[in-house]
N, C-alpha and C. Protein backbone atom coordinates (compact mmCIF):
# COMPACT_ATOMS: atom_id res chain seq x y z
N GLY A 1 66.20 151.87 23.92
CA GLY A 1 66.47 153.18 24.41
C GLY A 1 65.95 153.42 25.82
N HIS A 2 65.53 152.38 26.51
CA HIS A 2 65.00 152.51 27.87
C HIS A 2 65.90 151.79 28.85
N ALA A 3 66.00 152.29 30.06
CA ALA A 3 66.67 151.56 31.14
C ALA A 3 65.69 150.51 31.64
N VAL A 4 66.18 149.30 31.88
CA VAL A 4 65.32 148.18 32.26
C VAL A 4 65.81 147.55 33.55
N THR A 5 64.87 147.23 34.41
CA THR A 5 65.14 146.44 35.61
C THR A 5 64.37 145.14 35.44
N ALA A 6 65.04 144.01 35.54
CA ALA A 6 64.39 142.72 35.35
C ALA A 6 64.14 142.06 36.71
N ALA A 7 63.01 141.40 36.81
CA ALA A 7 62.69 140.60 37.99
C ALA A 7 62.46 139.17 37.51
N ARG A 8 63.02 138.22 38.23
CA ARG A 8 62.93 136.81 37.81
C ARG A 8 61.58 136.19 38.10
N HIS A 9 60.83 136.76 39.03
CA HIS A 9 59.52 136.22 39.38
C HIS A 9 58.70 137.32 40.06
N GLY A 10 57.45 137.01 40.33
CA GLY A 10 56.54 138.00 40.87
C GLY A 10 56.95 138.57 42.21
N ALA A 11 57.47 137.73 43.09
CA ALA A 11 57.89 138.22 44.41
C ALA A 11 59.03 139.24 44.27
N GLU A 12 59.93 138.99 43.35
CA GLU A 12 61.02 139.94 43.10
C GLU A 12 60.48 141.23 42.48
N ALA A 13 59.48 141.12 41.63
CA ALA A 13 58.86 142.31 41.04
C ALA A 13 58.21 143.16 42.13
N ILE A 14 57.52 142.52 43.06
CA ILE A 14 56.90 143.24 44.17
C ILE A 14 57.97 143.94 45.01
N ASP A 15 59.06 143.26 45.26
CA ASP A 15 60.16 143.87 46.02
C ASP A 15 60.70 145.11 45.30
N CYS A 16 60.92 145.00 43.99
CA CYS A 16 61.42 146.13 43.21
C CYS A 16 60.43 147.29 43.24
N LEU A 17 59.15 146.99 43.08
CA LEU A 17 58.12 148.04 43.07
C LEU A 17 57.98 148.72 44.43
N SER A 18 58.29 147.98 45.49
CA SER A 18 58.18 148.59 46.82
C SER A 18 59.31 149.57 47.10
N LYS A 19 60.41 149.45 46.35
CA LYS A 19 61.59 150.28 46.60
C LYS A 19 61.82 151.37 45.56
N THR A 20 61.30 151.19 44.36
CA THR A 20 61.64 152.07 43.24
C THR A 20 60.39 152.46 42.48
N ARG A 21 60.37 153.69 41.97
CA ARG A 21 59.29 154.13 41.10
C ARG A 21 59.72 153.90 39.64
N PHE A 22 58.86 153.30 38.87
CA PHE A 22 59.14 153.01 37.47
C PHE A 22 58.16 153.77 36.58
N ASP A 23 58.59 154.05 35.36
CA ASP A 23 57.72 154.72 34.39
C ASP A 23 56.73 153.76 33.76
N ALA A 24 57.11 152.49 33.66
CA ALA A 24 56.25 151.48 33.04
C ALA A 24 56.63 150.10 33.58
N LEU A 25 55.67 149.20 33.48
CA LEU A 25 55.89 147.82 33.92
C LEU A 25 55.40 146.89 32.83
N VAL A 26 56.26 145.97 32.41
CA VAL A 26 55.86 144.89 31.51
C VAL A 26 55.75 143.66 32.40
N LEU A 27 54.54 143.16 32.54
CA LEU A 27 54.23 142.15 33.54
C LEU A 27 53.67 140.90 32.90
N ASP A 28 54.32 139.78 33.12
CA ASP A 28 53.80 138.49 32.65
C ASP A 28 52.75 138.03 33.65
N LEU A 29 51.65 137.55 33.17
CA LEU A 29 50.59 137.11 34.06
C LEU A 29 50.97 135.83 34.79
N MET A 30 51.64 134.93 34.11
CA MET A 30 52.01 133.63 34.70
C MET A 30 53.48 133.64 35.12
N MET A 31 53.71 133.79 36.43
CA MET A 31 55.07 133.79 36.98
C MET A 31 55.07 132.97 38.27
N PRO A 32 56.23 132.43 38.62
CA PRO A 32 56.34 131.74 39.91
C PRO A 32 56.50 132.74 41.06
N ALA A 33 56.32 132.26 42.26
CA ALA A 33 56.57 133.04 43.49
C ALA A 33 55.81 134.36 43.50
N ALA A 34 54.58 134.36 43.14
CA ALA A 34 53.65 135.49 43.01
C ALA A 34 53.42 135.72 41.52
N ASN A 35 52.18 135.60 41.09
CA ASN A 35 51.89 135.77 39.67
C ASN A 35 51.57 137.23 39.35
N GLY A 36 51.27 137.50 38.11
CA GLY A 36 50.99 138.87 37.69
C GLY A 36 49.81 139.48 38.41
N ALA A 37 48.77 138.68 38.69
CA ALA A 37 47.62 139.19 39.43
C ALA A 37 48.02 139.61 40.84
N ASP A 38 48.96 138.88 41.44
CA ASP A 38 49.46 139.25 42.77
C ASP A 38 50.21 140.59 42.72
N VAL A 39 50.98 140.79 41.67
CA VAL A 39 51.72 142.05 41.51
C VAL A 39 50.74 143.20 41.33
N LEU A 40 49.72 143.01 40.51
CA LEU A 40 48.70 144.04 40.32
C LEU A 40 48.00 144.36 41.64
N ALA A 41 47.67 143.33 42.40
CA ALA A 41 47.01 143.53 43.70
C ALA A 41 47.92 144.32 44.65
N PHE A 42 49.21 144.02 44.66
CA PHE A 42 50.16 144.76 45.50
C PHE A 42 50.16 146.23 45.12
N MET A 43 50.24 146.52 43.83
CA MET A 43 50.30 147.92 43.40
C MET A 43 49.04 148.67 43.82
N ARG A 44 47.90 148.03 43.70
CA ARG A 44 46.65 148.69 44.09
C ARG A 44 46.58 148.88 45.61
N GLN A 45 46.94 147.86 46.33
CA GLN A 45 46.86 147.91 47.80
C GLN A 45 47.80 148.97 48.37
N GLU A 46 49.01 149.03 47.83
CA GLU A 46 50.02 149.95 48.35
C GLU A 46 49.98 151.32 47.67
N ARG A 47 49.05 151.48 46.72
CA ARG A 47 48.92 152.73 45.95
C ARG A 47 50.24 153.10 45.28
N LYS A 48 50.88 152.09 44.72
CA LYS A 48 52.14 152.27 43.99
C LYS A 48 51.88 151.90 42.53
N TRP A 49 50.84 152.50 41.96
CA TRP A 49 50.45 152.10 40.61
C TRP A 49 51.48 152.54 39.59
N THR A 50 51.81 151.64 38.70
CA THR A 50 52.72 151.88 37.59
C THR A 50 51.98 151.53 36.31
N PRO A 51 52.01 152.37 35.27
CA PRO A 51 51.37 152.00 34.01
C PRO A 51 51.90 150.64 33.54
N THR A 52 50.97 149.73 33.22
CA THR A 52 51.33 148.33 33.04
C THR A 52 50.91 147.80 31.68
N ILE A 53 51.81 147.01 31.10
CA ILE A 53 51.52 146.21 29.92
C ILE A 53 51.52 144.77 30.39
N LEU A 54 50.43 144.08 30.16
CA LEU A 54 50.28 142.71 30.62
C LEU A 54 50.60 141.76 29.47
N LEU A 55 51.56 140.84 29.70
CA LEU A 55 51.87 139.79 28.74
C LEU A 55 51.14 138.54 29.16
N THR A 56 50.51 137.87 28.22
CA THR A 56 49.76 136.68 28.61
C THR A 56 49.54 135.71 27.45
N ALA A 57 49.43 134.45 27.82
CA ALA A 57 49.04 133.41 26.88
C ALA A 57 47.73 132.78 27.34
N VAL A 58 47.11 133.33 28.40
CA VAL A 58 45.87 132.76 28.93
C VAL A 58 44.68 133.18 28.08
N HIS A 59 43.59 132.48 28.26
CA HIS A 59 42.38 132.74 27.49
C HIS A 59 41.66 133.99 27.99
N ASP A 60 40.85 134.55 27.13
CA ASP A 60 40.12 135.78 27.45
C ASP A 60 39.30 135.66 28.73
N ARG A 61 38.68 134.51 28.98
CA ARG A 61 37.82 134.37 30.16
C ARG A 61 38.63 134.51 31.45
N GLU A 62 39.92 134.12 31.42
CA GLU A 62 40.75 134.30 32.60
C GLU A 62 41.14 135.77 32.79
N ILE A 63 41.31 136.49 31.71
CA ILE A 63 41.64 137.91 31.80
C ILE A 63 40.43 138.69 32.29
N VAL A 64 39.24 138.30 31.85
CA VAL A 64 38.02 138.97 32.28
C VAL A 64 37.88 138.88 33.79
N ALA A 65 38.36 137.80 34.40
CA ALA A 65 38.28 137.62 35.84
C ALA A 65 39.21 138.56 36.61
N LEU A 66 40.19 139.12 35.92
CA LEU A 66 41.14 140.05 36.56
C LEU A 66 40.56 141.46 36.62
N ASN A 67 41.05 142.22 37.57
CA ASN A 67 40.76 143.65 37.59
C ASN A 67 41.80 144.28 36.65
N THR A 68 41.38 144.65 35.47
CA THR A 68 42.31 145.20 34.48
C THR A 68 42.31 146.72 34.46
N ASP A 69 41.68 147.36 35.46
CA ASP A 69 41.72 148.82 35.54
C ASP A 69 43.17 149.28 35.60
N GLY A 70 43.51 150.24 34.77
CA GLY A 70 44.86 150.80 34.78
C GLY A 70 45.85 150.06 33.92
N ILE A 71 45.46 148.93 33.36
CA ILE A 71 46.37 148.22 32.46
C ILE A 71 46.31 148.92 31.10
N HIS A 72 47.47 149.35 30.64
CA HIS A 72 47.56 150.13 29.41
C HIS A 72 47.30 149.26 28.18
N ALA A 73 47.86 148.05 28.19
CA ALA A 73 47.73 147.16 27.03
C ALA A 73 47.87 145.72 27.48
N ILE A 74 47.24 144.84 26.73
CA ILE A 74 47.41 143.40 26.92
C ILE A 74 48.05 142.88 25.64
N VAL A 75 49.22 142.29 25.78
CA VAL A 75 49.96 141.76 24.63
C VAL A 75 49.95 140.24 24.75
N ARG A 76 49.44 139.61 23.71
CA ARG A 76 49.31 138.14 23.69
C ARG A 76 50.63 137.48 23.29
N LYS A 77 50.94 136.39 24.01
CA LYS A 77 52.10 135.58 23.66
C LYS A 77 51.67 134.52 22.67
N PRO A 78 52.50 134.14 21.73
CA PRO A 78 53.78 134.78 21.41
C PRO A 78 53.52 136.15 20.78
N PHE A 79 54.44 137.07 21.00
CA PHE A 79 54.24 138.43 20.53
C PHE A 79 55.40 138.88 19.68
N ASP A 80 55.13 139.87 18.87
CA ASP A 80 56.14 140.51 18.05
C ASP A 80 56.81 141.57 18.91
N LEU A 81 58.12 141.61 18.94
CA LEU A 81 58.86 142.57 19.77
C LEU A 81 58.50 144.01 19.43
N ASP A 82 58.23 144.30 18.17
CA ASP A 82 57.84 145.66 17.78
C ASP A 82 56.52 146.08 18.44
N VAL A 83 55.61 145.14 18.59
CA VAL A 83 54.33 145.44 19.25
C VAL A 83 54.57 145.81 20.70
N LEU A 84 55.42 145.05 21.38
CA LEU A 84 55.73 145.34 22.78
C LEU A 84 56.46 146.68 22.90
N CYS A 85 57.44 146.92 22.05
CA CYS A 85 58.19 148.18 22.10
C CYS A 85 57.28 149.38 21.85
N ASN A 86 56.36 149.27 20.92
CA ASN A 86 55.42 150.35 20.65
C ASN A 86 54.52 150.61 21.85
N ALA A 87 54.10 149.54 22.53
CA ALA A 87 53.26 149.71 23.73
C ALA A 87 54.05 150.42 24.83
N VAL A 88 55.30 150.03 25.03
CA VAL A 88 56.14 150.69 26.03
C VAL A 88 56.35 152.16 25.67
N ASP A 89 56.69 152.41 24.42
CA ASP A 89 56.92 153.79 23.97
C ASP A 89 55.69 154.66 24.19
N SER A 90 54.49 154.11 24.00
CA SER A 90 53.29 154.91 24.17
C SER A 90 53.05 155.28 25.63
N ILE A 91 53.58 154.50 26.55
CA ILE A 91 53.43 154.81 27.99
C ILE A 91 54.45 155.86 28.42
N VAL A 92 55.68 155.72 28.01
CA VAL A 92 56.75 156.56 28.56
C VAL A 92 56.93 157.88 27.83
N ARG A 93 56.18 158.13 26.80
CA ARG A 93 56.27 159.42 26.09
C ARG A 93 55.70 160.52 26.90
């Protein structure tokens, strides 16, 4: 029930975020051409913060190294689609 804009990699996500305001962002931490941490850094630097759900298969110690301020949820891969949909719904309500 949501309109979705897909980005193939982090650099494309940054480009989309620089041009458009979104209600929510589902962001994979591991992406080519700018990773999820790069996208988060862009949003903070440009003050274009979007409520974010972080998808990841990395270990907890790598997540602890990130600035997770403002991240609404961290969803571990592999994930159940209902878990992701519920996280998105909780942001856009």
